[in-house]
Amino acid sequence: MIEYLVTPRQTVAAALSNGVPPEALNLSGVAVLTFSRAIMERLEELCQLRDAQWIPQRAHPYVAPQVVKRGQFQRLNVMALVPPMGASPLACIVEDLVACGVRAIFLACAAWSLGPPVRFGDLIVPAFSIGPDGTSIHYGNTTGHVSADPVMVEALTAACRELGATTHVGGNACGEALYRITPQMAEGFRQRGCLSMENGEASTLLAMAQTLGVHGGVLFQPYIDLAEGWNPTRLGEESYRVTCRLQAEVVLKASDWLSRQGLLED
């Protein structure tokens, strides 16, 4: 068994030493990671989320979430967090969540579209994620290709169908330097079956879920079409906000499906 020098157990112990009550560190159910205010607002409505204690920055050796909320959906415990952006800090937060007892983790946010058939307002469920990143390699992704948990792909796509979402299942690509994505790079990923790109969080979550023995799934919507370039007006469109709310609803419906299948039990 490999021994690691800094561990989530140490972080949890530090939180306890900093006055965090044990019940705040005893988690179950699902966690939703998002960078979207609109997604978080819809989760708040549907789960009656409230601000919650967890691991504070003063107790964390690296980086703590910016927002932590807890609630319930269909009697299922739900935790929603806004982590710092990037695969490396996300990896610490995922490890901390698993150490505290979370059984399934969703990443629901926006990504960069590689063009048709994906359109603005559509949803993307990555079935695999490819390309180099600096974090997932430490969780077994040594080939630059990690497959998604088929159970999570099924749960998310079933929820999308039930809610009438236009959904695409395919690949995602890692590109940690947004300003250095070339047309040739994008085309190469398209030819390999990719629908989207982002900066490594998807590969990291998918690889970590396999390594840590939990369920991990990703749900994207596009906010940039790479061929079009950066158009900030897209984020102000009502359709973008509507799709954010839909992402929250899909994740919760998928969570309920996992619960009814008995897949969130220890």
C-alpha atoms as a PDB file:
ATOM      1  CA  MET A   1       0.000   0.000   0.000  1.00  0.00           C
ATOM      2  CA  ILE A   2       1.386   3.394  -0.980  1.00  0.00           C
ATOM      3  CA  GLU A   3       1.992   5.849   1.836  1.00  0.00           C
ATOM      4  CA  TYR A   4       1.290   9.523   1.167  1.00  0.00           C
ATOM      5  CA  LEU A   5       2.849  12.344   3.165  1.00  0.00           C
ATOM      6  CA  VAL A   6      -0.171  14.654   3.345  1.00  0.00           C
ATOM      7  CA  THR A   7      -3.618  13.031   3.496  1.00  0.00           C
ATOM      8  CA  PRO A   8      -7.306  13.958   3.765  1.00  0.00           C
ATOM      9  CA  ARG A   9      -7.347  12.335   7.194  1.00  0.00           C
ATOM     10  CA  GLN A  10      -4.868  14.954   8.377  1.00  0.00           C
ATOM     11  CA  THR A  11      -7.061  17.693   6.907  1.00  0.00           C
ATOM     12  CA  VAL A  12     -10.172  16.365   8.635  1.00  0.00           C
ATOM     13  CA  ALA A  13      -8.261  16.139  11.922  1.00  0.00           C
ATOM     14  CA  ALA A  14      -7.115  19.742  11.476  1.00  0.00           C
ATOM     15  CA  ALA A  15     -10.708  20.838  10.915  1.00  0.00           C
ATOM     16  CA  LEU A  16     -11.768  19.126  14.141  1.00  0.00           C
ATOM     17  CA  SER A  17      -8.905  20.823  15.968  1.00  0.00           C
ATOM     18  CA  ASN A  18     -10.117  24.152  14.581  1.00  0.00           C
ATOM     19  CA  GLY A  19     -13.522  23.751  16.175  1.00  0.00           C
ATOM     20  CA  VAL A  20     -15.524  22.203  13.327  1.00  0.00           C
ATOM     21  CA  PRO A  21     -18.080  19.843  14.933  1.00  0.00           C
ATOM     22  CA  PRO A  22     -17.828  16.153  13.983  1.00  0.00           C
ATOM     23  CA  GLU A  23     -21.319  16.140  12.446  1.00  0.00           C
ATOM     24  CA  ALA A  24     -20.210  18.762   9.905  1.00  0.00           C
ATOM     25  CA  LEU A  25     -17.546  16.339   8.692  1.00  0.00           C
ATOM     26  CA  ASN A  26     -19.787  13.275   8.616  1.00  0.00           C
ATOM     27  CA  LEU A  27     -21.284  13.328   5.123  1.00  0.00           C
ATOM     28  CA  SER A  28     -23.375  11.013   2.971  1.00  0.00           C
ATOM     29  CA  GLY A  29     -25.282  11.122  -0.294  1.00  0.00           C
ATOM     30  CA  VAL A  30     -24.045  13.255  -3.171  1.00  0.00           C
ATOM     31  CA  ALA A  31     -21.975  16.371  -3.738  1.00  0.00           C
ATOM     32  CA  VAL A  32     -22.362  18.777  -6.642  1.00  0.00           C
ATOM     33  CA  LEU A  33     -19.364  20.869  -7.696  1.00  0.00           C
ATOM     34  CA  THR A  34     -20.176  23.922  -9.769  1.00  0.00           C
ATOM     35  CA  PHE A  35     -18.754  27.300 -10.734  1.00  0.00           C
ATOM     36  CA  SER A  36     -22.159  28.615 -11.789  1.00  0.00           C
ATOM     37  CA  ARG A  37     -24.261  30.951  -9.646  1.00  0.00           C
ATOM     38  CA  ALA A  38     -27.398  30.009 -11.612  1.00  0.00           C
ATOM     39  CA  ILE A  39     -26.842  26.298 -11.029  1.00  0.00           C
ATOM     40  CA  MET A  40     -26.293  26.934  -7.337  1.00  0.00           C
ATOM     41  CA  GLU A  41     -29.441  29.063  -7.112  1.00  0.00           C
ATOM     42  CA  ARG A  42     -31.566  26.295  -8.639  1.00  0.00           C
ATOM     43  CA  LEU A  43     -30.041  23.739  -6.268  1.00  0.00           C
ATOM     44  CA  GLU A  44     -30.890  26.057  -3.394  1.00  0.00           C
ATOM     45  CA  GLU A  45     -34.515  26.170  -4.525  1.00  0.00           C
ATOM     46  CA  LEU A  46     -34.896  22.425  -5.002  1.00  0.00           C
ATOM     47  CA  CYS A  47     -32.899  21.215  -1.991  1.00  0.00           C
ATOM     48  CA  GLN A  48     -33.534  24.041   0.490  1.00  0.00           C
ATOM     49  CA  LEU A  49     -29.779  24.457   0.698  1.00  0.00           C
ATOM     50  CA  ARG A  50     -28.325  26.373   3.615  1.00  0.00           C
ATOM     51  CA  ASP A  51     -24.799  27.607   4.288  1.00  0.00           C
ATOM     52  CA  ALA A  52     -22.880  24.845   6.036  1.00  0.00           C
ATOM     53  CA  GLN A  53     -19.694  24.316   7.990  1.00  0.00           C
ATOM     54  CA  TRP A  54     -17.089  22.037   6.498  1.00  0.00           C
ATOM     55  CA  ILE A  55     -13.319  22.269   6.176  1.00  0.00           C
ATOM     56  CA  PRO A  56     -12.316  25.924   6.575  1.00  0.00           C
ATOM     57  CA  GLN A  57      -9.387  27.505   4.793  1.00  0.00           C
ATOM     58  CA  ARG A  58      -7.432  27.829   8.051  1.00  0.00           C
ATOM     59  CA  ALA A  59      -7.526  24.031   8.444  1.00  0.00           C
ATOM     60  CA  HIS A  60      -6.732  23.150   4.836  1.00  0.00           C
ATOM     61  CA  PRO A  61      -3.171  22.559   3.613  1.00  0.00           C
ATOM     62  CA  TYR A  62      -3.980  23.734   0.089  1.00  0.00           C
ATOM     63  CA  VAL A  63      -7.340  25.251  -0.786  1.00  0.00           C
ATOM     64  CA  ALA A  64     -10.884  25.066   0.584  1.00  0.00           C
ATOM     65  CA  PRO A  65     -14.194  25.588  -1.260  1.00  0.00           C
ATOM     66  CA  GLN A  66     -15.419  29.137  -1.700  1.00  0.00           C
ATOM     67  CA  VAL A  67     -19.051  28.181  -0.960  1.00  0.00           C
ATOM     68  CA  VAL A  68     -20.452  25.177   0.936  1.00  0.00           C
ATOM     69  CA  LYS A  69     -24.177  24.463   1.273  1.00  0.00           C
ATOM     70  CA  ARG A  70     -26.156  21.439   2.438  1.00  0.00           C
ATOM     71  CA  GLY A  71     -29.749  20.309   1.984  1.00  0.00           C
ATOM     72  CA  GLN A  72     -31.923  17.415   0.865  1.00  0.00           C
ATOM     73  CA  PHE A  73     -33.655  16.234  -2.279  1.00  0.00           C
ATOM     74  CA  GLN A  74     -36.161  13.386  -2.013  1.00  0.00           C
ATOM     75  CA  ARG A  75     -34.666  12.556   1.417  1.00  0.00           C
ATOM     76  CA  LEU A  76     -31.215  12.335  -0.153  1.00  0.00           C
ATOM     77  CA  ASN A  77     -28.473  14.403   1.450  1.00  0.00           C
ATOM     78  CA  VAL A  78     -27.054  16.899  -1.029  1.00  0.00           C
ATOM     79  CA  MET A  79     -23.965  19.058  -0.634  1.00  0.00           C
ATOM     80  CA  ALA A  80     -23.243  21.820  -3.153  1.00  0.00           C
ATOM     81  CA  LEU A  81     -19.859  23.472  -3.371  1.00  0.00           C
ATOM     82  CA  VAL A  82     -18.085  26.139  -5.398  1.00  0.00           C
ATOM     83  CA  PRO A  83     -14.446  25.029  -5.601  1.00  0.00           C
ATOM     84  CA  PRO A  84     -11.578  27.094  -6.950  1.00  0.00           C
ATOM     85  CA  MET A  85     -11.296  26.532 -10.686  1.00  0.00           C
ATOM     86  CA  GLY A  86      -8.704  24.055 -11.881  1.00  0.00           C
ATOM     87  CA  ALA A  87      -7.993  20.341 -11.671  1.00  0.00           C
ATOM     88  CA  SER A  88      -5.427  20.501  -8.883  1.00  0.00           C
ATOM     89  CA  PRO A  89      -7.571  22.231  -6.215  1.00  0.00           C
ATOM     90  CA  LEU A  90     -10.600  20.239  -7.321  1.00  0.00           C
ATOM     91  CA  ALA A  91      -8.666  17.028  -6.657  1.00  0.00           C
ATOM     92  CA  CYS A  92      -8.094  17.974  -3.018  1.00  0.00           C
ATOM     93  CA  ILE A  93     -11.746  18.818  -2.512  1.00  0.00           C
ATOM     94  CA  VAL A  94     -12.862  15.531  -4.093  1.00  0.00           C
ATOM     95  CA  GLU A  95     -10.518  13.583  -1.795  1.00  0.00           C
ATOM     96  CA  ASP A  96     -11.839  15.493   1.217  1.00  0.00           C
ATOM     97  CA  LEU A  97     -15.456  14.772   0.231  1.00  0.00           C
ATOM     98  CA  VAL A  98     -14.775  11.057  -0.145  1.00  0.00           C
ATOM     99  CA  ALA A  99     -12.900  10.955   3.164  1.00  0.00           C
ATOM    100  CA  CYS A 100     -15.977  12.485   4.829  1.00  0.00           C
ATOM    101  CA  GLY A 101     -18.368   9.904   3.349  1.00  0.00           C
ATOM    102  CA  VAL A 102     -19.804  11.271   0.081  1.00  0.00           C
ATOM    103  CA  ARG A 103     -20.680   8.422  -2.308  1.00  0.00           C
ATOM    104  CA  ALA A 104     -21.229  10.278  -5.611  1.00  0.00           C
ATOM    105  CA  ILE A 105     -19.804  13.520  -6.979  1.00  0.00           C
ATOM    106  CA  PHE A 106     -21.094  15.530  -9.937  1.00  0.00           C
ATOM    107  CA  LEU A 107     -19.322  18.325 -11.783  1.00  0.00           C
ATOM    108  CA  ALA A 108     -21.935  20.565 -13.413  1.00  0.00           C
ATOM    109  CA  CYS A 109     -20.716  23.674 -15.193  1.00  0.00           C
ATOM    110  CA  ALA A 110     -19.929  25.217 -18.575  1.00  0.00           C
ATOM    111  CA  ALA A 111     -17.279  24.153 -21.082  1.00  0.00           C
ATOM    112  CA  TRP A 112     -15.885  25.081 -24.492  1.00  0.00           C
ATOM    113  CA  SER A 113     -17.762  23.622 -27.436  1.00  0.00           C
ATOM    114  CA  LEU A 114     -15.969  22.039 -30.391  1.00  0.00           C
ATOM    115  CA  GLY A 115     -18.886  22.961 -32.627  1.00  0.00           C
ATOM    116  CA  PRO A 116     -21.708  20.984 -34.289  1.00  0.00           C
ATOM    117  CA  PRO A 117     -23.635  18.938 -33.431  1.00  0.00           C
ATOM    118  CA  VAL A 118     -23.468  20.779 -30.092  1.00  0.00           C
ATOM    119  CA  ARG A 119     -25.361  24.064 -29.970  1.00  0.00           C
ATOM    120  CA  PHE A 120     -25.760  26.659 -27.248  1.00  0.00           C
ATOM    121  CA  GLY A 121     -28.448  25.454 -24.866  1.00  0.00           C
ATOM    122  CA  ASP A 122     -27.579  21.764 -25.345  1.00  0.00           C
ATOM    123  CA  LEU A 123     -26.167  19.515 -22.637  1.00  0.00           C
ATOM    124  CA  ILE A 124     -23.060  17.340 -22.888  1.00  0.00           C
ATOM    125  CA  VAL A 125     -22.434  14.149 -20.918  1.00  0.00           C
ATOM    126  CA  PRO A 126     -18.783  13.110 -21.352  1.00  0.00           C
ATOM    127  CA  ALA A 127     -18.353   9.357 -21.819  1.00  0.00           C
ATOM    128  CA  PHE A 128     -14.577   9.788 -21.806  1.00  0.00           C
ATOM    129  CA  SER A 129     -12.002  12.516 -21.430  1.00  0.00           C
ATOM    130  CA  ILE A 130      -8.682  12.733 -23.242  1.00  0.00           C
ATOM    131  CA  GLY A 131      -5.618  14.915 -23.485  1.00  0.00           C
ATOM    132  CA  PRO A 132      -2.857  15.904 -21.081  1.00  0.00           C
ATOM    133  CA  ASP A 133      -3.435  17.446 -17.687  1.00  0.00           C
ATOM    134  CA  GLY A 134      -1.215  17.701 -14.666  1.00  0.00           C
ATOM    135  CA  THR A 135      -3.500  16.110 -12.073  1.00  0.00           C
ATOM    136  CA  SER A 136      -5.369  13.031 -13.308  1.00  0.00           C
ATOM    137  CA  ILE A 137      -2.060  11.277 -14.025  1.00  0.00           C
ATOM    138  CA  HIS A 138      -1.689  10.947 -10.254  1.00  0.00           C
ATOM    139  CA  TYR A 139      -4.966   9.014 -10.141  1.00  0.00           C
ATOM    140  CA  GLY A 140      -4.153   6.349 -12.710  1.00  0.00           C
ATOM    141  CA  ASN A 141      -4.744   8.251 -15.964  1.00  0.00           C
ATOM    142  CA  THR A 142      -1.317   7.463 -17.397  1.00  0.00           C
ATOM    143  CA  THR A 143      -2.500   7.119 -21.007  1.00  0.00           C
ATOM    144  CA  GLY A 144      -4.279  10.458 -21.367  1.00  0.00           C
ATOM    145  CA  HIS A 145      -7.637   8.698 -21.789  1.00  0.00           C
ATOM    146  CA  VAL A 146     -10.081   8.074 -18.953  1.00  0.00           C
ATOM    147  CA  SER A 147     -13.530   6.540 -19.360  1.00  0.00           C
ATOM    148  CA  ALA A 148     -16.524   7.828 -17.459  1.00  0.00           C
ATOM    149  CA  ASP A 149     -18.404   5.679 -14.976  1.00  0.00           C
ATOM    150  CA  PRO A 150     -21.070   4.002 -17.160  1.00  0.00           C
ATOM    151  CA  VAL A 151     -23.530   4.084 -14.278  1.00  0.00           C
ATOM    152  CA  MET A 152     -23.205   7.865 -14.067  1.00  0.00           C
ATOM    153  CA  VAL A 153     -23.486   8.269 -17.833  1.00  0.00           C
ATOM    154  CA  GLU A 154     -26.690   6.216 -17.731  1.00  0.00           C
ATOM    155  CA  ALA A 155     -28.082   8.173 -14.773  1.00  0.00           C
ATOM    156  CA  LEU A 156     -27.350  11.551 -16.375  1.00  0.00           C
ATOM    157  CA  THR A 157     -28.616  10.664 -19.848  1.00  0.00           C
ATOM    158  CA  ALA A 158     -31.790   9.108 -18.435  1.00  0.00           C
ATOM    159  CA  ALA A 159     -32.428  12.272 -16.441  1.00  0.00           C
ATOM    160  CA  CYS A 160     -31.788  14.416 -19.522  1.00  0.00           C
ATOM    161  CA  ARG A 161     -34.290  12.392 -21.544  1.00  0.00           C
ATOM    162  CA  GLU A 162     -36.919  12.625 -18.831  1.00  0.00           C
ATOM    163  CA  LEU A 163     -36.504  16.400 -18.652  1.00  0.00           C
ATOM    164  CA  GLY A 164     -36.558  16.816 -22.436  1.00  0.00           C
ATOM    165  CA  ALA A 165     -33.022  18.163 -22.751  1.00  0.00           C
ATOM    166  CA  THR A 166     -31.135  18.064 -26.037  1.00  0.00           C
ATOM    167  CA  THR A 167     -28.174  15.971 -24.955  1.00  0.00           C
ATOM    168  CA  HIS A 168     -24.964  14.732 -26.550  1.00  0.00           C
ATOM    169  CA  VAL A 169     -22.849  11.865 -25.222  1.00  0.00           C
ATOM    170  CA  GLY A 170     -19.245  11.755 -26.381  1.00  0.00           C
ATOM    171  CA  GLY A 171     -15.735  12.797 -25.552  1.00  0.00           C
ATOM    172  CA  ASN A 172     -14.248  15.719 -23.688  1.00  0.00           C
ATOM    173  CA  ALA A 173     -10.749  17.074 -24.171  1.00  0.00           C
ATOM    174  CA  CYS A 174      -8.365  18.706 -21.720  1.00  0.00           C
ATOM    175  CA  GLY A 175      -6.729  21.973 -22.692  1.00  0.00           C
ATOM    176  CA  GLU A 176      -5.334  23.787 -19.683  1.00  0.00           C
ATOM    177  CA  ALA A 177      -4.197  26.853 -21.656  1.00  0.00           C
ATOM    178  CA  LEU A 178      -7.286  28.473 -23.181  1.00  0.00           C
ATOM    179  CA  TYR A 179      -5.275  31.088 -25.108  1.00  0.00           C
ATOM    180  CA  ARG A 180      -3.166  28.373 -26.775  1.00  0.00           C
ATOM    181  CA  ILE A 181      -5.863  26.231 -28.366  1.00  0.00           C
ATOM    182  CA  THR A 182      -5.203  26.084 -32.116  1.00  0.00           C
ATOM    183  CA  PRO A 183      -7.618  25.117 -34.899  1.00  0.00           C
ATOM    184  CA  GLN A 184      -5.479  22.036 -35.511  1.00  0.00           C
ATOM    185  CA  MET A 185      -5.724  20.995 -31.865  1.00  0.00           C
ATOM    186  CA  ALA A 186      -9.483  21.430 -31.803  1.00  0.00           C
ATOM    187  CA  GLU A 187      -9.924  19.524 -35.056  1.00  0.00           C
ATOM    188  CA  GLY A 188      -7.755  16.695 -33.755  1.00  0.00           C
ATOM    189  CA  PHE A 189      -9.950  16.318 -30.702  1.00  0.00           C
ATOM    190  CA  ARG A 190     -13.102  16.454 -32.854  1.00  0.00           C
ATOM    191  CA  GLN A 191     -11.765  13.614 -34.988  1.00  0.00           C
ATOM    192  CA  ARG A 192     -11.283  11.576 -31.817  1.00  0.00           C
ATOM    193  CA  GLY A 193     -14.956  11.955 -30.871  1.00  0.00           C
ATOM    194  CA  CYS A 194     -14.766  14.953 -28.561  1.00  0.00           C
ATOM    195  CA  LEU A 195     -17.629  17.411 -28.206  1.00  0.00           C
ATOM    196  CA  SER A 196     -16.118  19.781 -25.646  1.00  0.00           C
ATOM    197  CA  MET A 197     -12.939  21.011 -24.011  1.00  0.00           C
ATOM    198  CA  GLU A 198     -12.118  22.358 -20.550  1.00  0.00           C
ATOM    199  CA  ASN A 199      -9.114  22.705 -18.307  1.00  0.00           C
ATOM    200  CA  GLY A 200      -8.726  19.251 -16.809  1.00  0.00           C
ATOM    201  CA  GLU A 201     -11.377  18.988 -14.118  1.00  0.00           C
ATOM    202  CA  ALA A 202     -13.368  16.352 -16.018  1.00  0.00           C
ATOM    203  CA  SER A 203     -10.463  13.936 -16.490  1.00  0.00           C
ATOM    204  CA  THR A 204      -9.479  14.465 -12.879  1.00  0.00           C
ATOM    205  CA  LEU A 205     -12.920  13.729 -11.443  1.00  0.00           C
ATOM    206  CA  LEU A 206     -13.456  10.697 -13.682  1.00  0.00           C
ATOM    207  CA  ALA A 207     -10.064   9.225 -12.830  1.00  0.00           C
ATOM    208  CA  MET A 208     -10.433   9.961  -9.121  1.00  0.00           C
ATOM    209  CA  ALA A 209     -13.838   8.305  -8.943  1.00  0.00           C
ATOM    210  CA  GLN A 210     -12.326   5.060 -10.216  1.00  0.00           C
ATOM    211  CA  THR A 211      -9.332   5.268  -7.907  1.00  0.00           C
ATOM    212  CA  LEU A 212     -11.296   6.218  -4.786  1.00  0.00           C
ATOM    213  CA  GLY A 213     -14.208   3.848  -5.385  1.00  0.00           C
ATOM    214  CA  VAL A 214     -17.043   6.354  -5.683  1.00  0.00           C
ATOM    215  CA  HIS A 215     -19.329   7.463  -8.506  1.00  0.00           C
ATOM    216  CA  GLY A 216     -18.239  10.509 -10.488  1.00  0.00           C
ATOM    217  CA  GLY A 217     -20.043  12.172 -13.379  1.00  0.00           C
ATOM    218  CA  VAL A 218     -19.832  15.332 -15.478  1.00  0.00           C
ATOM    219  CA  LEU A 219     -22.539  17.470 -17.067  1.00  0.00           C
ATOM    220  CA  PHE A 220     -21.538  20.386 -19.294  1.00  0.00           C
ATOM    221  CA  GLN A 221     -23.207  23.049 -21.362  1.00  0.00           C
ATOM    222  CA  PRO A 222     -21.244  25.234 -23.818  1.00  0.00           C
ATOM    223  CA  TYR A 223     -20.542  28.879 -23.146  1.00  0.00           C
ATOM    224  CA  ILE A 224     -17.873  29.314 -25.835  1.00  0.00           C
ATOM    225  CA  ASP A 225     -17.835  27.870 -29.331  1.00  0.00           C
ATOM    226  CA  LEU A 226     -14.100  27.709 -29.994  1.00  0.00           C
ATOM    227  CA  ALA A 227     -14.576  28.308 -33.714  1.00  0.00           C
ATOM    228  CA  GLU A 228     -16.561  31.473 -32.922  1.00  0.00           C
ATOM    229  CA  GLY A 229     -14.164  32.703 -30.240  1.00  0.00           C
ATOM    230  CA  TRP A 230     -14.995  34.583 -27.062  1.00  0.00           C
ATOM    231  CA  ASN A 231     -18.386  36.258 -27.126  1.00  0.00           C
ATOM    232  CA  PRO A 232     -19.280  37.419 -23.592  1.00  0.00           C
ATOM    233  CA  THR A 233     -22.861  38.258 -24.578  1.00  0.00           C
ATOM    234  CA  ARG A 234     -23.587  34.519 -24.550  1.00  0.00           C
ATOM    235  CA  LEU A 235     -23.390  34.475 -20.754  1.00  0.00           C
ATOM    236  CA  GLY A 236     -26.057  37.171 -20.546  1.00  0.00           C
ATOM    237  CA  GLU A 237     -28.560  35.336 -22.705  1.00  0.00           C
ATOM    238  CA  GLU A 238     -31.661  33.979 -20.982  1.00  0.00           C
ATOM    239  CA  SER A 239     -31.142  30.622 -22.689  1.00  0.00           C
ATOM    240  CA  TYR A 240     -27.833  30.226 -20.847  1.00  0.00           C
ATOM    241  CA  ARG A 241     -29.457  30.773 -17.472  1.00  0.00           C
ATOM    242  CA  VAL A 242     -32.331  28.417 -18.366  1.00  0.00           C
ATOM    243  CA  THR A 243     -29.843  25.712 -19.275  1.00  0.00           C
ATOM    244  CA  CYS A 244     -27.963  26.256 -15.999  1.00  0.00           C
ATOM    245  CA  ARG A 245     -31.182  25.602 -14.123  1.00  0.00           C
ATOM    246  CA  LEU A 246     -31.752  22.525 -16.262  1.00  0.00           C
ATOM    247  CA  GLN A 247     -28.291  21.237 -15.358  1.00  0.00           C
ATOM    248  CA  ALA A 248     -29.188  21.447 -11.668  1.00  0.00           C
ATOM    249  CA  GLU A 249     -32.440  19.579 -12.270  1.00  0.00           C
ATOM    250  CA  VAL A 250     -30.701  16.851 -14.273  1.00  0.00           C
ATOM    251  CA  VAL A 251     -28.072  16.282 -11.605  1.00  0.00           C
ATOM    252  CA  LEU A 252     -30.702  15.960  -8.874  1.00  0.00           C
ATOM    253  CA  LYS A 253     -32.834  13.595 -10.925  1.00  0.00           C
ATOM    254  CA  ALA A 254     -29.736  11.501 -11.653  1.00  0.00           C
ATOM    255  CA  SER A 255     -28.918  11.513  -7.934  1.00  0.00           C
ATOM    256  CA  ASP A 256     -32.396  10.266  -7.110  1.00  0.00           C
ATOM    257  CA  TRP A 257     -31.967   7.497  -9.709  1.00  0.00           C
ATOM    258  CA  LEU A 258     -28.696   6.421  -8.068  1.00  0.00           C
ATOM    259  CA  SER A 259     -30.380   6.411  -4.675  1.00  0.00           C
ATOM    260  CA  ARG A 260     -33.316   4.317  -5.865  1.00  0.00           C
ATOM    261  CA  GLN A 261     -30.866   1.828  -7.380  1.00  0.00           C
ATOM    262  CA  GLY A 262     -29.165   1.480  -4.010  1.00  0.00           C
ATOM    263  CA  LEU A 263     -25.878   2.802  -5.394  1.00  0.00           C
ATOM    264  CA  LEU A 264     -25.245   5.400  -2.695  1.00  0.00           C
ATOM    265  CA  GLU A 265     -25.013   2.980   0.187  1.00  0.00           C
ATOM    266  CA  ASP A 266     -21.719   2.075   1.849  1.00  0.00           C
END
